[in-house]
Amino acid sequence: MSLTPTATASLYAAHEHIVKLHTLYELEAISGLSSFTPCDREDILLNLDRRLDILGAYISDKQYLLGVRRAAMQLSR
């Protein structure tokens, strides 16, 4: 399916909300609150890295998520 101007506008408008949801998922996974994440730390990190790759060229979003991830991991020790 091709991306129409309407479809790309919708994706652009939803981007900020998607990043926020992505951040919440990472916090849940790191803290162990989510029942949908594996319990093994290595599996969690591998899953989080795969999710980070999905962001593609959005460098500022990746930096934000990595900062949140680092803070959450320091607090969860």
PDB file of N, CA and C in Angstrom:
ATOM      1  N   MET A   1       0.847  -1.164   0.000  1.00  0.00           N
ATOM      2  CA  MET A   1       0.000   0.000   0.000  1.00  0.00           C
ATOM      3  C   MET A   1       0.903   1.241   0.000  1.00  0.00           C
ATOM      4  N   SER A   2       0.555   2.203  -0.787  1.00  0.00           N
ATOM      5  CA  SER A   2       1.349   3.422  -0.836  1.00  0.00           C
ATOM      6  C   SER A   2       0.940   4.364   0.289  1.00  0.00           C
ATOM      7  N   LEU A   3       1.862   5.212   0.642  1.00  0.00           N
ATOM      8  CA  LEU A   3       1.578   6.192   1.689  1.00  0.00           C
ATOM      9  C   LEU A   3       0.987   7.445   1.051  1.00  0.00           C
ATOM     10  N   THR A   4      -0.240   7.685   1.358  1.00  0.00           N
ATOM     11  CA  THR A   4      -0.927   8.871   0.859  1.00  0.00           C
ATOM     12  C   THR A   4      -0.616  10.044   1.791  1.00  0.00           C
ATOM     13  N   PRO A   5      -0.853  11.258   1.356  1.00  0.00           N
ATOM     14  CA  PRO A   5      -0.627  12.404   2.259  1.00  0.00           C
ATOM     15  C   PRO A   5      -1.434  12.303   3.551  1.00  0.00           C
ATOM     16  N   THR A   6      -2.629  11.770   3.473  1.00  0.00           N
ATOM     17  CA  THR A   6      -3.456  11.626   4.672  1.00  0.00           C
ATOM     18  C   THR A   6      -2.850  10.606   5.626  1.00  0.00           C
ATOM     19  N   ALA A   7      -2.373   9.490   5.084  1.00  0.00           N
ATOM     20  CA  ALA A   7      -1.781   8.443   5.917  1.00  0.00           C
ATOM     21  C   ALA A   7      -0.499   8.936   6.578  1.00  0.00           C
ATOM     22  N   THR A   8       0.341   9.637   5.835  1.00  0.00           N
ATOM     23  CA  THR A   8       1.581  10.132   6.437  1.00  0.00           C
ATOM     24  C   THR A   8       1.304  11.206   7.481  1.00  0.00           C
ATOM     25  N   ALA A   9       0.282  12.018   7.259  1.00  0.00           N
ATOM     26  CA  ALA A   9      -0.091  13.028   8.257  1.00  0.00           C
ATOM     27  C   ALA A   9      -0.569  12.353   9.540  1.00  0.00           C
ATOM     28  N   SER A  10      -1.313  11.262   9.408  1.00  0.00           N
ATOM     29  CA  SER A  10      -1.791  10.528  10.583  1.00  0.00           C
ATOM     30  C   SER A  10      -0.629   9.905  11.344  1.00  0.00           C
ATOM     31  N   LEU A  11       0.322   9.324  10.620  1.00  0.00           N
ATOM     32  CA  LEU A  11       1.497   8.735  11.266  1.00  0.00           C
ATOM     33  C   LEU A  11       2.318   9.808  11.971  1.00  0.00           C
ATOM     34  N   TYR A  12       2.474  10.942  11.338  1.00  0.00           N
ATOM     35  CA  TYR A  12       3.234  12.033  11.933  1.00  0.00           C
ATOM     36  C   TYR A  12       2.548  12.544  13.206  1.00  0.00           C
ATOM     37  N   ALA A  13       1.239  12.658  13.162  1.00  0.00           N
ATOM     38  CA  ALA A  13       0.486  13.138  14.323  1.00  0.00           C
ATOM     39  C   ALA A  13       0.553  12.146  15.482  1.00  0.00           C
ATOM     40  N   ALA A  14       0.639  10.865  15.185  1.00  0.00           N
ATOM     41  CA  ALA A  14       0.655   9.837  16.226  1.00  0.00           C
ATOM     42  C   ALA A  14       2.059   9.565  16.759  1.00  0.00           C
ATOM     43  N   HIS A  15       3.076  10.075  16.110  1.00  0.00           N
ATOM     44  CA  HIS A  15       4.461   9.739  16.470  1.00  0.00           C
ATOM     45  C   HIS A  15       4.778  10.033  17.940  1.00  0.00           C
ATOM     46  N   GLU A  16       4.425  11.196  18.409  1.00  0.00           N
ATOM     47  CA  GLU A  16       4.712  11.563  19.802  1.00  0.00           C
ATOM     48  C   GLU A  16       4.052  10.595  20.786  1.00  0.00           C
ATOM     49  N   HIS A  17       2.827  10.204  20.501  1.00  0.00           N
ATOM     50  CA  HIS A  17       2.116   9.264  21.384  1.00  0.00           C
ATOM     51  C   HIS A  17       2.743   7.873  21.327  1.00  0.00           C
ATOM     52  N   ILE A  18       3.191   7.472  20.165  1.00  0.00           N
ATOM     53  CA  ILE A  18       3.837   6.163  20.023  1.00  0.00           C
ATOM     54  C   ILE A  18       5.128   6.125  20.825  1.00  0.00           C
ATOM     55  N   VAL A  19       5.902   7.197  20.784  1.00  0.00           N
ATOM     56  CA  VAL A  19       7.148   7.249  21.564  1.00  0.00           C
ATOM     57  C   VAL A  19       6.843   7.186  23.064  1.00  0.00           C
ATOM     58  N   LYS A  20       5.802   7.864  23.508  1.00  0.00           N
ATOM     59  CA  LYS A  20       5.419   7.812  24.925  1.00  0.00           C
ATOM     60  C   LYS A  20       5.007   6.395  25.337  1.00  0.00           C
ATOM     61  N   LEU A  21       4.248   5.722  24.488  1.00  0.00           N
ATOM     62  CA  LEU A  21       3.859   4.340  24.780  1.00  0.00           C
ATOM     63  C   LEU A  21       5.076   3.414  24.785  1.00  0.00           C
ATOM     64  N   HIS A  22       5.981   3.651  23.856  1.00  0.00           N
ATOM     65  CA  HIS A  22       7.224   2.887  23.795  1.00  0.00           C
ATOM     66  C   HIS A  22       7.999   3.051  25.104  1.00  0.00           C
ATOM     67  N   THR A  23       8.055   4.278  25.611  1.00  0.00           N
ATOM     68  CA  THR A  23       8.756   4.566  26.856  1.00  0.00           C
ATOM     69  C   THR A  23       8.092   3.860  28.035  1.00  0.00           C
ATOM     70  N   LEU A  24       6.782   3.895  28.092  1.00  0.00           N
ATOM     71  CA  LEU A  24       6.071   3.197  29.173  1.00  0.00           C
ATOM     72  C   LEU A  24       6.338   1.696  29.152  1.00  0.00           C
ATOM     73  N   TYR A  25       6.361   1.117  27.954  1.00  0.00           N
ATOM     74  CA  TYR A  25       6.650  -0.316  27.847  1.00  0.00           C
ATOM     75  C   TYR A  25       8.045  -0.608  28.398  1.00  0.00           C
ATOM     76  N   GLU A  26       9.020   0.226  28.027  1.00  0.00           N
ATOM     77  CA  GLU A  26      10.388  -0.002  28.496  1.00  0.00           C
ATOM     78  C   GLU A  26      10.460   0.084  30.018  1.00  0.00           C
ATOM     79  N   LEU A  27       9.772   1.063  30.599  1.00  0.00           N
ATOM     80  CA  LEU A  27       9.775   1.192  32.057  1.00  0.00           C
ATOM     81  C   LEU A  27       9.149  -0.029  32.718  1.00  0.00           C
ATOM     82  N   GLU A  28       8.056  -0.520  32.153  1.00  0.00           N
ATOM     83  CA  GLU A  28       7.420  -1.714  32.708  1.00  0.00           C
ATOM     84  C   GLU A  28       8.329  -2.932  32.584  1.00  0.00           C
ATOM     85  N   ALA A  29       8.978  -3.071  31.436  1.00  0.00           N
ATOM     86  CA  ALA A  29       9.848  -4.230  31.215  1.00  0.00           C
ATOM     87  C   ALA A  29      11.042  -4.206  32.162  1.00  0.00           C
ATOM     88  N   ILE A  30      11.643  -3.049  32.336  1.00  0.00           N
ATOM     89  CA  ILE A  30      12.820  -2.940  33.196  1.00  0.00           C
ATOM     90  C   ILE A  30      12.447  -3.129  34.661  1.00  0.00           C
ATOM     91  N   SER A  31      11.315  -2.588  35.056  1.00  0.00           N
ATOM     92  CA  SER A  31      10.911  -2.686  36.455  1.00  0.00           C
ATOM     93  C   SER A  31      10.345  -4.056  36.815  1.00  0.00           C
ATOM     94  N   GLY A  32       9.967  -4.840  35.802  1.00  0.00           N
ATOM     95  CA  GLY A  32       9.394  -6.158  36.063  1.00  0.00           C
ATOM     96  C   GLY A  32       7.911  -6.127  36.329  1.00  0.00           C
ATOM     97  N   LEU A  33       7.250  -4.992  36.124  1.00  0.00           N
ATOM     98  CA  LEU A  33       5.816  -4.885  36.378  1.00  0.00           C
ATOM     99  C   LEU A  33       4.971  -5.576  35.318  1.00  0.00           C
ATOM    100  N   SER A  34       5.475  -5.626  34.099  1.00  0.00           N
ATOM    101  CA  SER A  34       4.694  -6.191  33.003  1.00  0.00           C
ATOM    102  C   SER A  34       4.716  -7.712  33.057  1.00  0.00           C
ATOM    103  N   SER A  35       3.561  -8.312  32.903  1.00  0.00           N
ATOM    104  CA  SER A  35       3.486  -9.777  32.888  1.00  0.00           C
ATOM    105  C   SER A  35       3.783 -10.337  31.499  1.00  0.00           C
ATOM    106  N   PHE A  36       3.968  -9.458  30.519  1.00  0.00           N
ATOM    107  CA  PHE A  36       4.222  -9.897  29.151  1.00  0.00           C
ATOM    108  C   PHE A  36       5.702  -9.919  28.797  1.00  0.00           C
ATOM    109  N   THR A  37       6.563  -9.553  29.717  1.00  0.00           N
ATOM    110  CA  THR A  37       7.990  -9.523  29.427  1.00  0.00           C
ATOM    111  C   THR A  37       8.680 -10.720  30.063  1.00  0.00           C
ATOM    112  N   PRO A  38       9.747 -11.185  29.435  1.00  0.00           N
ATOM    113  CA  PRO A  38      10.495 -12.291  30.025  1.00  0.00           C
ATOM    114  C   PRO A  38      11.201 -11.833  31.299  1.00  0.00           C
ATOM    115  N   CYS A  39      11.505 -12.761  32.179  1.00  0.00           N
ATOM    116  CA  CYS A  39      12.118 -12.420  33.461  1.00  0.00           C
ATOM    117  C   CYS A  39      13.631 -12.342  33.375  1.00  0.00           C
ATOM    118  N   ASP A  40      14.235 -12.975  32.382  1.00  0.00           N
ATOM    119  CA  ASP A  40      15.677 -12.979  32.249  1.00  0.00           C
ATOM    120  C   ASP A  40      16.166 -11.617  31.764  1.00  0.00           C
ATOM    121  N   ARG A  41      17.119 -11.057  32.452  1.00  0.00           N
ATOM    122  CA  ARG A  41      17.621  -9.713  32.130  1.00  0.00           C
ATOM    123  C   ARG A  41      18.167  -9.630  30.705  1.00  0.00           C
ATOM    124  N   GLU A  42      18.886 -10.671  30.272  1.00  0.00           N
ATOM    125  CA  GLU A  42      19.443 -10.668  28.915  1.00  0.00           C
ATOM    126  C   GLU A  42      18.341 -10.668  27.862  1.00  0.00           C
ATOM    127  N   ASP A  43      17.274 -11.421  28.098  1.00  0.00           N
ATOM    128  CA  ASP A  43      16.139 -11.442  27.170  1.00  0.00           C
ATOM    129  C   ASP A  43      15.454 -10.080  27.110  1.00  0.00           C
ATOM    130  N   ILE A  44      15.334  -9.440  28.260  1.00  0.00           N
ATOM    131  CA  ILE A  44      14.713  -8.112  28.307  1.00  0.00           C
ATOM    132  C   ILE A  44      15.543  -7.119  27.501  1.00  0.00           C
ATOM    133  N   LEU A  45      16.862  -7.122  27.718  1.00  0.00           N
ATOM    134  CA  LEU A  45      17.734  -6.190  26.994  1.00  0.00           C
ATOM    135  C   LEU A  45      17.717  -6.444  25.497  1.00  0.00           C
ATOM    136  N   LEU A  46      17.698  -7.706  25.095  1.00  0.00           N
ATOM    137  CA  LEU A  46      17.625  -8.038  23.671  1.00  0.00           C
ATOM    138  C   LEU A  46      16.319  -7.536  23.070  1.00  0.00           C
ATOM    139  N   ASN A  47      15.227  -7.730  23.776  1.00  0.00           N
ATOM    140  CA  ASN A  47      13.923  -7.259  23.322  1.00  0.00           C
ATOM    141  C   ASN A  47      13.887  -5.731  23.232  1.00  0.00           C
ATOM    142  N   LEU A  48      14.436  -5.051  24.220  1.00  0.00           N
ATOM    143  CA  LEU A  48      14.452  -3.591  24.208  1.00  0.00           C
ATOM    144  C   LEU A  48      15.314  -3.053  23.064  1.00  0.00           C
ATOM    145  N   ASP A  49      16.432  -3.724  22.787  1.00  0.00           N
ATOM    146  CA  ASP A  49      17.280  -3.294  21.671  1.00  0.00           C
ATOM    147  C   ASP A  49      16.573  -3.478  20.333  1.00  0.00           C
ATOM    148  N   ARG A  50      15.832  -4.548  20.191  1.00  0.00           N
ATOM    149  CA  ARG A  50      15.052  -4.756  18.954  1.00  0.00           C
ATOM    150  C   ARG A  50      14.001  -3.665  18.789  1.00  0.00           C
ATOM    151  N   ARG A  51      13.361  -3.318  19.884  1.00  0.00           N
ATOM    152  CA  ARG A  51      12.349  -2.262  19.826  1.00  0.00           C
ATOM    153  C   ARG A  51      12.992  -0.912  19.501  1.00  0.00           C
ATOM    154  N   LEU A  52      14.202  -0.694  19.981  1.00  0.00           N
ATOM    155  CA  LEU A  52      14.911   0.546  19.672  1.00  0.00           C
ATOM    156  C   LEU A  52      15.237   0.629  18.181  1.00  0.00           C
ATOM    157  N   ASP A  53      15.573  -0.499  17.571  1.00  0.00           N
ATOM    158  CA  ASP A  53      15.865  -0.531  16.135  1.00  0.00           C
ATOM    159  C   ASP A  53      14.659  -0.128  15.299  1.00  0.00           C
ATOM    160  N   ILE A  54      13.466  -0.362  15.807  1.00  0.00           N
ATOM    161  CA  ILE A  54      12.243  -0.031  15.076  1.00  0.00           C
ATOM    162  C   ILE A  54      12.127   1.474  14.848  1.00  0.00           C
ATOM    163  N   LEU A  55      12.703   2.267  15.739  1.00  0.00           N
ATOM    164  CA  LEU A  55      12.605   3.723  15.605  1.00  0.00           C
ATOM    165  C   LEU A  55      13.355   4.254  14.392  1.00  0.00           C
ATOM    166  N   GLY A  56      14.245   3.456  13.838  1.00  0.00           N
ATOM    167  CA  GLY A  56      14.925   3.854  12.611  1.00  0.00           C
ATOM    168  C   GLY A  56      15.781   5.089  12.777  1.00  0.00           C
ATOM    169  N   ALA A  57      15.510   6.124  11.994  1.00  0.00           N
ATOM    170  CA  ALA A  57      16.360   7.309  11.924  1.00  0.00           C
ATOM    171  C   ALA A  57      16.019   8.380  12.952  1.00  0.00           C
ATOM    172  N   TYR A  58      15.112   8.127  13.843  1.00  0.00           N
ATOM    173  CA  TYR A  58      14.732   9.122  14.851  1.00  0.00           C
ATOM    174  C   TYR A  58      15.760   9.131  15.984  1.00  0.00           C
ATOM    175  N   ILE A  59      16.874   9.804  15.746  1.00  0.00           N
ATOM    176  CA  ILE A  59      17.992   9.811  16.694  1.00  0.00           C
ATOM    177  C   ILE A  59      17.593  10.440  18.026  1.00  0.00           C
ATOM    178  N   SER A  60      16.861  11.534  17.998  1.00  0.00           N
ATOM    179  CA  SER A  60      16.489  12.201  19.257  1.00  0.00           C
ATOM    180  C   SER A  60      15.577  11.297  20.097  1.00  0.00           C
ATOM    181  N   ASP A  61      14.694  10.552  19.442  1.00  0.00           N
ATOM    182  CA  ASP A  61      13.828   9.617  20.175  1.00  0.00           C
ATOM    183  C   ASP A  61      14.649   8.482  20.775  1.00  0.00           C
ATOM    184  N   LYS A  62      15.635   8.004  20.031  1.00  0.00           N
ATOM    185  CA  LYS A  62      16.502   6.937  20.548  1.00  0.00           C
ATOM    186  C   LYS A  62      17.288   7.430  21.756  1.00  0.00           C
ATOM    187  N   GLN A  63      17.820   8.651  21.671  1.00  0.00           N
ATOM    188  CA  GLN A  63      18.567   9.207  22.794  1.00  0.00           C
ATOM    189  C   GLN A  63      17.674   9.362  24.021  1.00  0.00           C
ATOM    190  N   TYR A  64      16.455   9.811  23.813  1.00  0.00           N
ATOM    191  CA  TYR A  64      15.505   9.972  24.914  1.00  0.00           C
ATOM    192  C   TYR A  64      15.222   8.615  25.573  1.00  0.00           C
ATOM    193  N   LEU A  65      14.918   7.608  24.749  1.00  0.00           N
ATOM    194  CA  LEU A  65      14.611   6.284  25.298  1.00  0.00           C
ATOM    195  C   LEU A  65      15.808   5.673  26.007  1.00  0.00           C
ATOM    196  N   LEU A  66      17.002   5.854  25.458  1.00  0.00           N
ATOM    197  CA  LEU A  66      18.187   5.321  26.121  1.00  0.00           C
ATOM    198  C   LEU A  66      18.437   6.020  27.449  1.00  0.00           C
ATOM    199  N   GLY A  67      18.152   7.305  27.520  1.00  0.00           N
ATOM    200  CA  GLY A  67      18.282   8.031  28.782  1.00  0.00           C
ATOM    201  C   GLY A  67      17.290   7.534  29.818  1.00  0.00           C
ATOM    202  N   VAL A  68      16.064   7.318  29.406  1.00  0.00           N
ATOM    203  CA  VAL A  68      15.040   6.781  30.300  1.00  0.00           C
ATOM    204  C   VAL A  68      15.421   5.374  30.744  1.00  0.00           C
ATOM    205  N   ARG A  69      15.909   4.578  29.799  1.00  0.00           N
ATOM    206  CA  ARG A  69      16.320   3.202  30.116  1.00  0.00           C
ATOM    207  C   ARG A  69      17.452   3.204  31.139  1.00  0.00           C
ATOM    208  N   ARG A  70      18.449   4.052  30.937  1.00  0.00           N
ATOM    209  CA  ARG A  70      19.582   4.118  31.856  1.00  0.00           C
ATOM    210  C   ARG A  70      19.115   4.511  33.254  1.00  0.00           C
ATOM    211  N   ALA A  71      18.249   5.524  33.337  1.00  0.00           N
ATOM    212  CA  ALA A  71      17.744   5.967  34.641  1.00  0.00           C
ATOM    213  C   ALA A  71      16.942   4.868  35.327  1.00  0.00           C
ATOM    214  N   ALA A  72      16.096   4.180  34.576  1.00  0.00           N
ATOM    215  CA  ALA A  72      15.275   3.105  35.151  1.00  0.00           C
ATOM    216  C   ALA A  72      16.147   1.951  35.631  1.00  0.00           C
ATOM    217  N   MET A  73      17.186   1.638  34.885  1.00  0.00           N
ATOM    218  CA  MET A  73      18.067   0.532  35.315  1.00  0.00           C
ATOM    219  C   MET A  73      18.867   0.906  36.560  1.00  0.00           C
ATOM    220  N   GLN A  74      19.269   2.169  36.665  1.00  0.00           N
ATOM    221  CA  GLN A  74      19.982   2.599  37.864  1.00  0.00           C
ATOM    222  C   GLN A  74      19.074   2.552  39.086  1.00  0.00           C
ATOM    223  N   LEU A  75      17.806   2.913  38.905  1.00  0.00           N
ATOM    224  CA  LEU A  75      16.876   2.890  40.024  1.00  0.00           C
ATOM    225  C   LEU A  75      16.451   1.479  40.401  1.00  0.00           C
ATOM    226  N   SER A  76      16.494   0.544  39.453  1.00  0.00           N
ATOM    227  CA  SER A  76      16.018  -0.812  39.728  1.00  0.00           C
ATOM    228  C   SER A  76      17.079  -1.717  40.341  1.00  0.00           C
ATOM    229  N   ARG A  77      18.275  -1.216  40.546  1.00  0.00           N
ATOM    230  CA  ARG A  77      19.346  -2.041  41.124  1.00  0.00           C
ATOM    231  C   ARG A  77      19.111  -2.363  42.545  1.00  0.00           C
TER     232      ARG A  77
END
